[in-house]
């Protein structure tokens, strides 16, 4: 999936951002959420987003598959490679966060975007359950990662329990 409108700058060079396939984007978003409380592992997932969105630098899907489809492992390898190539940590992190945000926004549309498309209903307030839910916070926006907190039987049926 090509996004064309976005690019990230690393070492003074603009790199176009190409969003990876749906399953790779979903891996990034869901694994990031499951690693809550493990900031080092979460940062590796951010680098995985960058590597998959800029395949020229990260090796793309081939390199991701070589890391056993593990965003933490792939992100760590990508980060190490970039550091060995002389990239600045701050610049990499900024680009990685930008790519992560694009990945999440492509999976979870914001209320305003949905309201623009579905003008036949008014936007309703989103209820957050009292129990811990898998929310990803990105630049002040919240994204719910679907199905991460459900019982296995609910997942297999494709149903989400109604929070009470």
N, C-alpha and C. Protein backbone atom coordinates (compact mmCIF):
# COMPACT_ATOMS: atom_id res chain seq x y z
N UNK A 1 0.85 -1.17 0.00
CA UNK A 1 0.00 0.00 0.00
C UNK A 1 0.90 1.22 0.00
N UNK A 2 0.73 2.10 -0.94
CA UNK A 2 1.58 3.27 -1.04
C UNK A 2 0.85 4.47 -0.47
N UNK A 3 1.53 5.24 0.36
CA UNK A 3 0.93 6.40 0.97
C UNK A 3 1.37 7.67 0.24
N UNK A 4 2.45 7.66 -0.49
CA UNK A 4 2.93 8.73 -1.35
C UNK A 4 3.04 10.12 -0.76
N UNK A 5 2.11 10.51 0.13
CA UNK A 5 2.09 11.87 0.66
C UNK A 5 3.07 12.09 1.80
N UNK A 6 3.59 11.03 2.34
CA UNK A 6 4.46 11.16 3.51
C UNK A 6 5.88 10.72 3.19
N UNK A 7 6.80 11.37 3.90
CA UNK A 7 8.21 10.96 3.83
C UNK A 7 8.84 11.26 5.18
N UNK A 8 9.95 10.59 5.44
CA UNK A 8 10.72 10.85 6.66
C UNK A 8 12.13 11.21 6.23
N UNK A 9 12.76 12.06 7.01
CA UNK A 9 14.12 12.50 6.68
C UNK A 9 15.12 11.85 7.63
N UNK A 10 16.10 11.19 7.04
CA UNK A 10 17.18 10.56 7.79
C UNK A 10 18.50 10.93 7.13
N UNK A 11 19.43 11.43 7.91
CA UNK A 11 20.74 11.85 7.41
C UNK A 11 20.62 12.80 6.23
N UNK A 12 19.62 13.71 6.31
CA UNK A 12 19.44 14.73 5.28
C UNK A 12 18.78 14.24 4.00
N UNK A 13 18.31 13.01 3.97
CA UNK A 13 17.69 12.45 2.78
C UNK A 13 16.21 12.16 3.07
N UNK A 14 15.33 12.61 2.20
CA UNK A 14 13.91 12.30 2.33
C UNK A 14 13.64 10.91 1.78
N UNK A 15 12.99 10.10 2.60
CA UNK A 15 12.63 8.73 2.21
C UNK A 15 11.11 8.64 2.15
N UNK A 16 10.54 8.26 1.01
CA UNK A 16 9.08 8.11 0.95
C UNK A 16 8.62 6.97 1.86
N UNK A 17 7.46 7.19 2.47
CA UNK A 17 6.87 6.20 3.36
C UNK A 17 5.87 5.38 2.56
N UNK A 18 6.04 4.07 2.60
CA UNK A 18 5.12 3.14 1.97
C UNK A 18 4.56 2.24 3.06
N UNK A 19 3.27 2.33 3.29
CA UNK A 19 2.69 1.50 4.35
C UNK A 19 2.77 0.03 3.96
N UNK A 20 3.17 -0.82 4.89
CA UNK A 20 3.23 -2.27 4.61
C UNK A 20 1.81 -2.84 4.52
N UNK A 21 1.72 -4.12 4.24
CA UNK A 21 0.43 -4.79 4.15
C UNK A 21 -0.33 -4.76 5.46
N UNK A 22 -1.61 -5.09 5.38
CA UNK A 22 -2.48 -5.01 6.55
C UNK A 22 -1.96 -5.86 7.71
N UNK A 23 -1.57 -7.09 7.43
CA UNK A 23 -1.17 -7.97 8.54
C UNK A 23 0.08 -7.45 9.24
N UNK A 24 1.02 -6.88 8.49
CA UNK A 24 2.22 -6.33 9.12
C UNK A 24 1.87 -5.09 9.94
N UNK A 25 0.96 -4.26 9.44
CA UNK A 25 0.53 -3.08 10.21
C UNK A 25 -0.19 -3.52 11.48
N UNK A 26 -1.03 -4.54 11.37
CA UNK A 26 -1.74 -5.04 12.55
C UNK A 26 -0.76 -5.64 13.56
N UNK A 27 0.26 -6.35 13.08
CA UNK A 27 1.31 -6.87 13.98
C UNK A 27 1.93 -5.74 14.79
N UNK A 28 2.29 -4.67 14.10
CA UNK A 28 2.95 -3.54 14.77
C UNK A 28 2.06 -2.96 15.86
N UNK A 29 0.81 -2.69 15.52
CA UNK A 29 -0.11 -2.06 16.48
C UNK A 29 -0.43 -2.97 17.66
N UNK A 30 -0.73 -4.23 17.39
CA UNK A 30 -1.14 -5.12 18.48
C UNK A 30 0.02 -5.52 19.36
N UNK A 31 1.18 -5.79 18.78
CA UNK A 31 2.32 -6.19 19.60
C UNK A 31 2.80 -5.01 20.44
N UNK A 32 2.75 -3.78 19.90
CA UNK A 32 3.12 -2.61 20.68
C UNK A 32 2.27 -2.55 21.95
N UNK A 33 0.98 -2.79 21.81
CA UNK A 33 0.07 -2.73 22.95
C UNK A 33 0.35 -3.84 23.96
N UNK A 34 0.65 -5.04 23.47
CA UNK A 34 0.91 -6.15 24.39
C UNK A 34 2.21 -5.96 25.16
N UNK A 35 3.08 -5.10 24.66
CA UNK A 35 4.36 -4.86 25.33
C UNK A 35 4.30 -3.67 26.29
N UNK A 36 3.10 -3.26 26.68
CA UNK A 36 2.96 -2.17 27.64
C UNK A 36 3.74 -2.52 28.90
N UNK A 37 4.48 -1.57 29.40
CA UNK A 37 5.30 -1.81 30.58
C UNK A 37 6.71 -2.27 30.24
N UNK A 38 7.00 -2.40 28.96
CA UNK A 38 8.33 -2.82 28.49
C UNK A 38 8.80 -1.81 27.43
N UNK A 39 9.24 -0.62 27.88
CA UNK A 39 9.56 0.45 26.92
C UNK A 39 10.65 0.10 25.91
N UNK A 40 11.61 -0.70 26.29
CA UNK A 40 12.66 -1.07 25.33
C UNK A 40 12.07 -1.91 24.20
N UNK A 41 11.20 -2.84 24.54
CA UNK A 41 10.55 -3.67 23.52
C UNK A 41 9.62 -2.82 22.67
N UNK A 42 8.91 -1.87 23.29
CA UNK A 42 8.04 -0.98 22.52
C UNK A 42 8.85 -0.12 21.55
N UNK A 43 10.03 0.34 21.97
CA UNK A 43 10.84 1.16 21.06
C UNK A 43 11.29 0.32 19.86
N UNK A 44 11.57 -0.95 20.07
CA UNK A 44 11.94 -1.81 18.94
C UNK A 44 10.79 -1.96 17.97
N UNK A 45 9.58 -1.98 18.48
CA UNK A 45 8.41 -2.07 17.60
C UNK A 45 8.26 -0.78 16.80
N UNK A 46 8.58 0.35 17.42
CA UNK A 46 8.56 1.62 16.67
C UNK A 46 9.55 1.56 15.51
N UNK A 47 10.74 1.01 15.79
CA UNK A 47 11.75 0.89 14.72
C UNK A 47 11.30 -0.11 13.66
N UNK A 48 10.54 -1.12 14.06
CA UNK A 48 9.98 -2.05 13.07
C UNK A 48 9.03 -1.32 12.13
N UNK A 49 8.24 -0.40 12.68
CA UNK A 49 7.33 0.39 11.84
C UNK A 49 8.13 1.19 10.81
N UNK A 50 9.21 1.80 11.26
CA UNK A 50 10.06 2.57 10.34
C UNK A 50 10.67 1.66 9.28
N UNK A 51 11.22 0.53 9.69
CA UNK A 51 11.85 -0.37 8.73
C UNK A 51 10.88 -0.91 7.69
N UNK A 52 9.65 -1.21 8.12
CA UNK A 52 8.66 -1.72 7.17
C UNK A 52 8.08 -0.62 6.29
N UNK A 53 8.02 0.61 6.80
CA UNK A 53 7.49 1.73 6.01
C UNK A 53 8.53 2.31 5.06
N UNK A 54 9.80 2.07 5.32
CA UNK A 54 10.88 2.52 4.43
C UNK A 54 11.69 1.28 4.05
N UNK A 55 11.12 0.46 3.16
CA UNK A 55 11.75 -0.83 2.85
C UNK A 55 13.15 -0.71 2.26
N UNK A 56 13.46 0.43 1.66
CA UNK A 56 14.81 0.63 1.11
C UNK A 56 15.86 0.55 2.23
N UNK A 57 15.50 1.03 3.41
CA UNK A 57 16.41 0.99 4.55
C UNK A 57 16.27 -0.28 5.38
N UNK A 58 15.03 -0.78 5.51
CA UNK A 58 14.77 -1.87 6.42
C UNK A 58 14.71 -3.25 5.81
N UNK A 59 14.88 -3.34 4.51
CA UNK A 59 14.84 -4.64 3.86
C UNK A 59 13.44 -5.15 3.57
N UNK A 60 12.42 -4.41 4.00
CA UNK A 60 11.05 -4.74 3.70
C UNK A 60 10.58 -6.07 4.26
N UNK A 61 9.63 -6.66 3.56
CA UNK A 61 8.99 -7.89 4.01
C UNK A 61 9.96 -9.06 4.12
N UNK A 62 10.94 -9.13 3.23
CA UNK A 62 11.92 -10.23 3.30
C UNK A 62 12.66 -10.22 4.63
N UNK A 63 13.11 -9.04 5.05
CA UNK A 63 13.83 -8.95 6.33
C UNK A 63 12.91 -9.22 7.51
N UNK A 64 11.65 -8.79 7.41
CA UNK A 64 10.68 -9.04 8.47
C UNK A 64 10.41 -10.54 8.59
N UNK A 65 10.26 -11.21 7.46
CA UNK A 65 10.04 -12.66 7.49
C UNK A 65 11.28 -13.39 8.02
N UNK A 66 12.47 -12.87 7.71
CA UNK A 66 13.70 -13.48 8.22
C UNK A 66 13.80 -13.36 9.74
N UNK A 67 13.08 -12.39 10.31
CA UNK A 67 13.02 -12.21 11.77
C UNK A 67 11.82 -12.96 12.36
N UNK A 68 11.34 -13.95 11.66
CA UNK A 68 10.22 -14.79 12.12
C UNK A 68 8.93 -14.01 12.34
N UNK A 69 8.73 -12.96 11.55
CA UNK A 69 7.53 -12.12 11.66
C UNK A 69 7.37 -11.55 13.07
N UNK A 70 8.47 -11.29 13.72
CA UNK A 70 8.50 -10.78 15.09
C UNK A 70 8.91 -9.31 15.04
N UNK A 71 7.96 -8.40 15.29
CA UNK A 71 8.29 -6.97 15.20
C UNK A 71 9.39 -6.53 16.18
N UNK A 72 9.46 -7.17 17.35
CA UNK A 72 10.49 -6.81 18.33
C UNK A 72 11.86 -7.20 17.80
N UNK A 73 11.98 -8.42 17.32
CA UNK A 73 13.25 -8.91 16.77
C UNK A 73 13.65 -8.10 15.53
N UNK A 74 12.71 -7.90 14.62
CA UNK A 74 12.99 -7.16 13.39
C UNK A 74 13.38 -5.71 13.71
N UNK A 75 12.64 -5.08 14.62
CA UNK A 75 12.93 -3.69 14.98
C UNK A 75 14.31 -3.53 15.62
N UNK A 76 14.70 -4.50 16.45
CA UNK A 76 16.03 -4.47 17.06
C UNK A 76 17.13 -4.61 16.02
N UNK A 77 16.94 -5.52 15.09
CA UNK A 77 17.93 -5.70 14.03
C UNK A 77 18.03 -4.45 13.14
N UNK A 78 16.87 -3.88 12.81
CA UNK A 78 16.85 -2.67 11.98
C UNK A 78 17.55 -1.52 12.71
N UNK A 79 17.23 -1.34 13.97
CA UNK A 79 17.84 -0.27 14.77
C UNK A 79 19.36 -0.44 14.83
N UNK A 80 19.83 -1.65 15.10
CA UNK A 80 21.27 -1.90 15.17
C UNK A 80 21.95 -1.59 13.84
N UNK A 81 21.31 -1.97 12.76
CA UNK A 81 21.85 -1.72 11.43
C UNK A 81 21.95 -0.21 11.15
N UNK A 82 20.91 0.50 11.52
CA UNK A 82 20.91 1.96 11.31
C UNK A 82 21.98 2.65 12.15
N UNK A 83 22.13 2.24 13.39
CA UNK A 83 23.15 2.83 14.25
C UNK A 83 24.55 2.54 13.70
N UNK A 84 24.75 1.33 13.17
CA UNK A 84 26.05 0.98 12.57
C UNK A 84 26.32 1.81 11.32
N UNK A 85 25.25 2.24 10.65
CA UNK A 85 25.39 3.08 9.45
C UNK A 85 25.54 4.56 9.78
N UNK A 86 25.59 4.91 11.07
CA UNK A 86 25.83 6.29 11.46
C UNK A 86 24.61 7.17 11.61
N UNK A 87 23.43 6.58 11.71
CA UNK A 87 22.22 7.39 11.93
C UNK A 87 22.19 7.91 13.36
N UNK A 88 21.53 9.05 13.54
CA UNK A 88 21.37 9.62 14.88
C UNK A 88 20.13 9.04 15.54
N UNK A 89 20.28 8.67 16.79
CA UNK A 89 19.21 8.04 17.56
C UNK A 89 17.94 8.90 17.57
N UNK A 90 18.08 10.19 17.82
CA UNK A 90 16.92 11.08 17.91
C UNK A 90 16.18 11.16 16.58
N UNK A 91 16.93 11.22 15.49
CA UNK A 91 16.34 11.30 14.17
C UNK A 91 15.59 9.99 13.83
N UNK A 92 16.19 8.86 14.18
CA UNK A 92 15.55 7.57 13.95
C UNK A 92 14.25 7.46 14.75
N UNK A 93 14.30 7.86 16.00
CA UNK A 93 13.12 7.75 16.86
C UNK A 93 11.98 8.63 16.34
N UNK A 94 12.29 9.85 15.93
CA UNK A 94 11.26 10.75 15.40
C UNK A 94 10.61 10.15 14.15
N UNK A 95 11.43 9.61 13.26
CA UNK A 95 10.91 8.99 12.04
C UNK A 95 10.10 7.74 12.38
N UNK A 96 10.55 6.97 13.36
CA UNK A 96 9.86 5.75 13.76
C UNK A 96 8.49 6.07 14.35
N UNK A 97 8.40 7.09 15.18
CA UNK A 97 7.12 7.49 15.77
C UNK A 97 6.18 7.96 14.67
N UNK A 98 6.69 8.71 13.72
CA UNK A 98 5.85 9.18 12.61
C UNK A 98 5.29 8.00 11.81
N UNK A 99 6.13 7.02 11.51
CA UNK A 99 5.66 5.84 10.78
C UNK A 99 4.66 5.04 11.60
N UNK A 100 4.92 4.89 12.90
CA UNK A 100 4.00 4.17 13.78
C UNK A 100 2.65 4.85 13.79
N UNK A 101 2.64 6.16 13.85
CA UNK A 101 1.37 6.90 13.85
C UNK A 101 0.62 6.65 12.54
N UNK A 102 1.31 6.68 11.42
CA UNK A 102 0.67 6.43 10.13
C UNK A 102 0.10 5.01 10.06
N UNK A 103 0.86 4.05 10.58
CA UNK A 103 0.40 2.65 10.61
C UNK A 103 -0.88 2.55 11.43
N UNK A 104 -0.91 3.11 12.62
CA UNK A 104 -2.09 3.02 13.48
C UNK A 104 -3.28 3.76 12.89
N UNK A 105 -3.05 4.93 12.33
CA UNK A 105 -4.15 5.68 11.74
C UNK A 105 -4.74 4.95 10.53
N UNK A 106 -3.92 4.17 9.84
CA UNK A 106 -4.44 3.42 8.69
C UNK A 106 -5.32 2.26 9.13
N UNK A 107 -5.12 1.77 10.36
CA UNK A 107 -5.91 0.65 10.88
C UNK A 107 -7.15 1.11 11.62
N UNK A 108 -7.03 2.20 12.37
CA UNK A 108 -8.08 2.64 13.27
C UNK A 108 -8.49 4.07 12.91
N UNK A 109 -9.51 4.25 12.06
CA UNK A 109 -9.90 5.61 11.67
C UNK A 109 -10.39 6.41 12.88
N UNK A 110 -10.11 7.67 12.84
CA UNK A 110 -10.54 8.55 13.93
C UNK A 110 -12.02 8.90 13.75
N UNK A 111 -12.64 9.29 14.82
CA UNK A 111 -14.07 9.61 14.82
C UNK A 111 -14.41 10.65 13.77
N UNK A 112 -13.58 11.68 13.62
CA UNK A 112 -13.85 12.74 12.64
C UNK A 112 -13.86 12.17 11.22
N UNK A 113 -12.93 11.27 10.91
CA UNK A 113 -12.88 10.68 9.58
C UNK A 113 -14.10 9.81 9.32
N UNK A 114 -14.52 9.06 10.31
CA UNK A 114 -15.69 8.22 10.16
C UNK A 114 -16.93 9.08 10.00
N UNK A 115 -17.04 10.14 10.76
CA UNK A 115 -18.19 11.03 10.70
C UNK A 115 -18.29 11.68 9.33
N UNK A 116 -17.16 12.05 8.72
CA UNK A 116 -17.18 12.66 7.39
C UNK A 116 -17.72 11.68 6.35
N UNK A 117 -17.36 10.42 6.46
CA UNK A 117 -17.78 9.40 5.50
C UNK A 117 -19.23 9.00 5.74
N UNK A 118 -19.58 8.80 6.98
CA UNK A 118 -20.92 8.33 7.34
C UNK A 118 -21.74 9.49 7.86
N UNK A 119 -22.16 10.37 6.98
CA UNK A 119 -22.87 11.58 7.40
C UNK A 119 -24.31 11.33 7.80
N UNK A 120 -24.78 10.09 7.69
CA UNK A 120 -26.16 9.80 8.03
C UNK A 120 -26.39 9.63 9.52
N UNK A 121 -25.34 9.59 10.31
CA UNK A 121 -25.49 9.49 11.76
C UNK A 121 -24.55 10.49 12.41
N UNK A 122 -24.90 10.86 13.64
CA UNK A 122 -24.03 11.73 14.39
C UNK A 122 -22.98 10.90 15.11
N UNK A 123 -21.81 11.48 15.27
CA UNK A 123 -20.74 10.79 15.99
C UNK A 123 -21.16 10.63 17.44
N UNK A 124 -20.89 9.47 18.01
CA UNK A 124 -21.24 9.21 19.40
C UNK A 124 -19.97 9.13 20.22
N UNK A 125 -20.11 9.44 21.49
CA UNK A 125 -18.97 9.36 22.39
C UNK A 125 -18.54 7.91 22.56
N UNK A 126 -17.25 7.68 22.54
CA UNK A 126 -16.72 6.33 22.70
C UNK A 126 -16.64 6.01 24.18
N UNK A 127 -17.21 4.87 24.57
CA UNK A 127 -17.13 4.42 25.97
C UNK A 127 -15.88 3.61 26.17
N UNK A 128 -15.12 3.95 27.16
CA UNK A 128 -13.96 3.15 27.54
C UNK A 128 -14.36 2.27 28.71
N UNK A 129 -14.07 0.99 28.64
CA UNK A 129 -14.39 0.12 29.77
C UNK A 129 -13.55 0.47 30.98
N UNK A 130 -14.10 0.18 32.17
CA UNK A 130 -13.36 0.46 33.40
C UNK A 130 -12.13 -0.41 33.52
N UNK A 131 -12.21 -1.64 33.02
CA UNK A 131 -11.04 -2.52 33.12
C UNK A 131 -9.98 -2.07 32.11
N UNK A 132 -8.79 -2.54 32.33
CA UNK A 132 -7.69 -2.16 31.44
C UNK A 132 -7.96 -2.67 30.04
N UNK A 133 -7.96 -1.78 29.08
CA UNK A 133 -8.17 -2.13 27.67
C UNK A 133 -6.91 -1.77 26.89
N UNK A 134 -6.72 -2.40 25.79
CA UNK A 134 -5.50 -2.16 25.01
C UNK A 134 -5.58 -0.88 24.18
N UNK A 135 -5.34 0.25 24.81
CA UNK A 135 -5.37 1.53 24.11
C UNK A 135 -3.94 1.95 23.78
N UNK A 136 -3.74 2.41 22.57
CA UNK A 136 -2.45 2.96 22.18
C UNK A 136 -2.58 4.47 22.14
N UNK A 137 -1.72 5.17 22.83
CA UNK A 137 -1.72 6.62 22.85
C UNK A 137 -0.64 7.13 21.91
N UNK A 138 -1.03 7.94 20.92
CA UNK A 138 -0.08 8.47 19.95
C UNK A 138 -0.38 9.94 19.76
N UNK A 139 0.56 10.77 20.13
CA UNK A 139 0.42 12.22 19.98
C UNK A 139 -0.93 12.72 20.46
N UNK A 140 -1.34 12.27 21.62
CA UNK A 140 -2.57 12.75 22.23
C UNK A 140 -3.83 12.10 21.70
N UNK A 141 -3.72 11.17 20.79
CA UNK A 141 -4.89 10.47 20.26
C UNK A 141 -4.89 9.04 20.79
N UNK A 142 -6.08 8.51 21.04
CA UNK A 142 -6.20 7.15 21.54
C UNK A 142 -6.70 6.23 20.45
N UNK A 143 -6.09 5.06 20.37
CA UNK A 143 -6.50 4.04 19.41
C UNK A 143 -6.71 2.75 20.18
N UNK A 144 -7.88 2.14 20.01
CA UNK A 144 -8.17 0.86 20.65
C UNK A 144 -7.66 -0.25 19.76
N UNK A 145 -6.86 -1.13 20.32
CA UNK A 145 -6.36 -2.27 19.58
C UNK A 145 -7.38 -3.38 19.73
N UNK A 146 -8.03 -3.78 18.63
CA UNK A 146 -9.15 -4.72 18.74
C UNK A 146 -8.73 -6.12 19.16
N UNK A 147 -9.61 -6.75 19.91
CA UNK A 147 -9.52 -8.16 20.27
C UNK A 147 -8.36 -8.54 21.17
N UNK A 148 -7.50 -7.65 21.58
CA UNK A 148 -6.33 -8.00 22.38
C UNK A 148 -6.70 -8.42 23.80
N UNK A 149 -7.84 -7.94 24.31
CA UNK A 149 -8.18 -8.23 25.71
C UNK A 149 -9.33 -9.22 25.87
N UNK A 150 -9.74 -9.88 24.80
CA UNK A 150 -10.89 -10.76 24.87
C UNK A 150 -10.51 -12.18 25.21
N UNK A 151 -11.52 -12.91 25.66
CA UNK A 151 -11.36 -14.33 25.86
C UNK A 151 -11.25 -15.00 24.49
N UNK A 152 -10.57 -16.11 24.44
CA UNK A 152 -10.35 -16.82 23.17
C UNK A 152 -11.66 -17.15 22.46
N UNK A 153 -12.68 -17.60 23.19
CA UNK A 153 -13.94 -17.97 22.56
C UNK A 153 -14.59 -16.77 21.88
N UNK A 154 -14.46 -15.57 22.47
CA UNK A 154 -15.01 -14.37 21.85
C UNK A 154 -14.26 -14.04 20.57
N UNK A 155 -12.94 -14.21 20.56
CA UNK A 155 -12.14 -13.91 19.38
C UNK A 155 -12.52 -14.82 18.22
N UNK A 156 -12.67 -16.11 18.52
CA UNK A 156 -12.96 -17.05 17.44
C UNK A 156 -14.34 -16.79 16.86
N UNK A 157 -15.24 -16.28 17.64
CA UNK A 157 -16.57 -15.97 17.13
C UNK A 157 -16.61 -14.60 16.45
N UNK A 158 -15.55 -13.81 16.59
CA UNK A 158 -15.50 -12.48 15.98
C UNK A 158 -16.34 -11.47 16.73
N UNK A 159 -16.63 -11.72 18.00
CA UNK A 159 -17.50 -10.85 18.79
C UNK A 159 -16.69 -10.12 19.85
N UNK A 160 -17.08 -8.92 20.13
CA UNK A 160 -16.47 -8.18 21.22
C UNK A 160 -17.47 -8.10 22.36
N UNK A 161 -17.07 -8.45 23.58
CA UNK A 161 -18.00 -8.33 24.70
C UNK A 161 -18.32 -6.87 24.97
N UNK A 162 -19.56 -6.61 25.35
CA UNK A 162 -19.98 -5.26 25.67
C UNK A 162 -19.48 -4.92 27.06
N UNK A 163 -18.64 -3.86 27.20
CA UNK A 163 -18.15 -3.48 28.54
C UNK A 163 -19.31 -3.00 29.39
N UNK A 164 -19.36 -3.49 30.59
CA UNK A 164 -20.46 -3.10 31.50
C UNK A 164 -19.94 -2.29 32.62
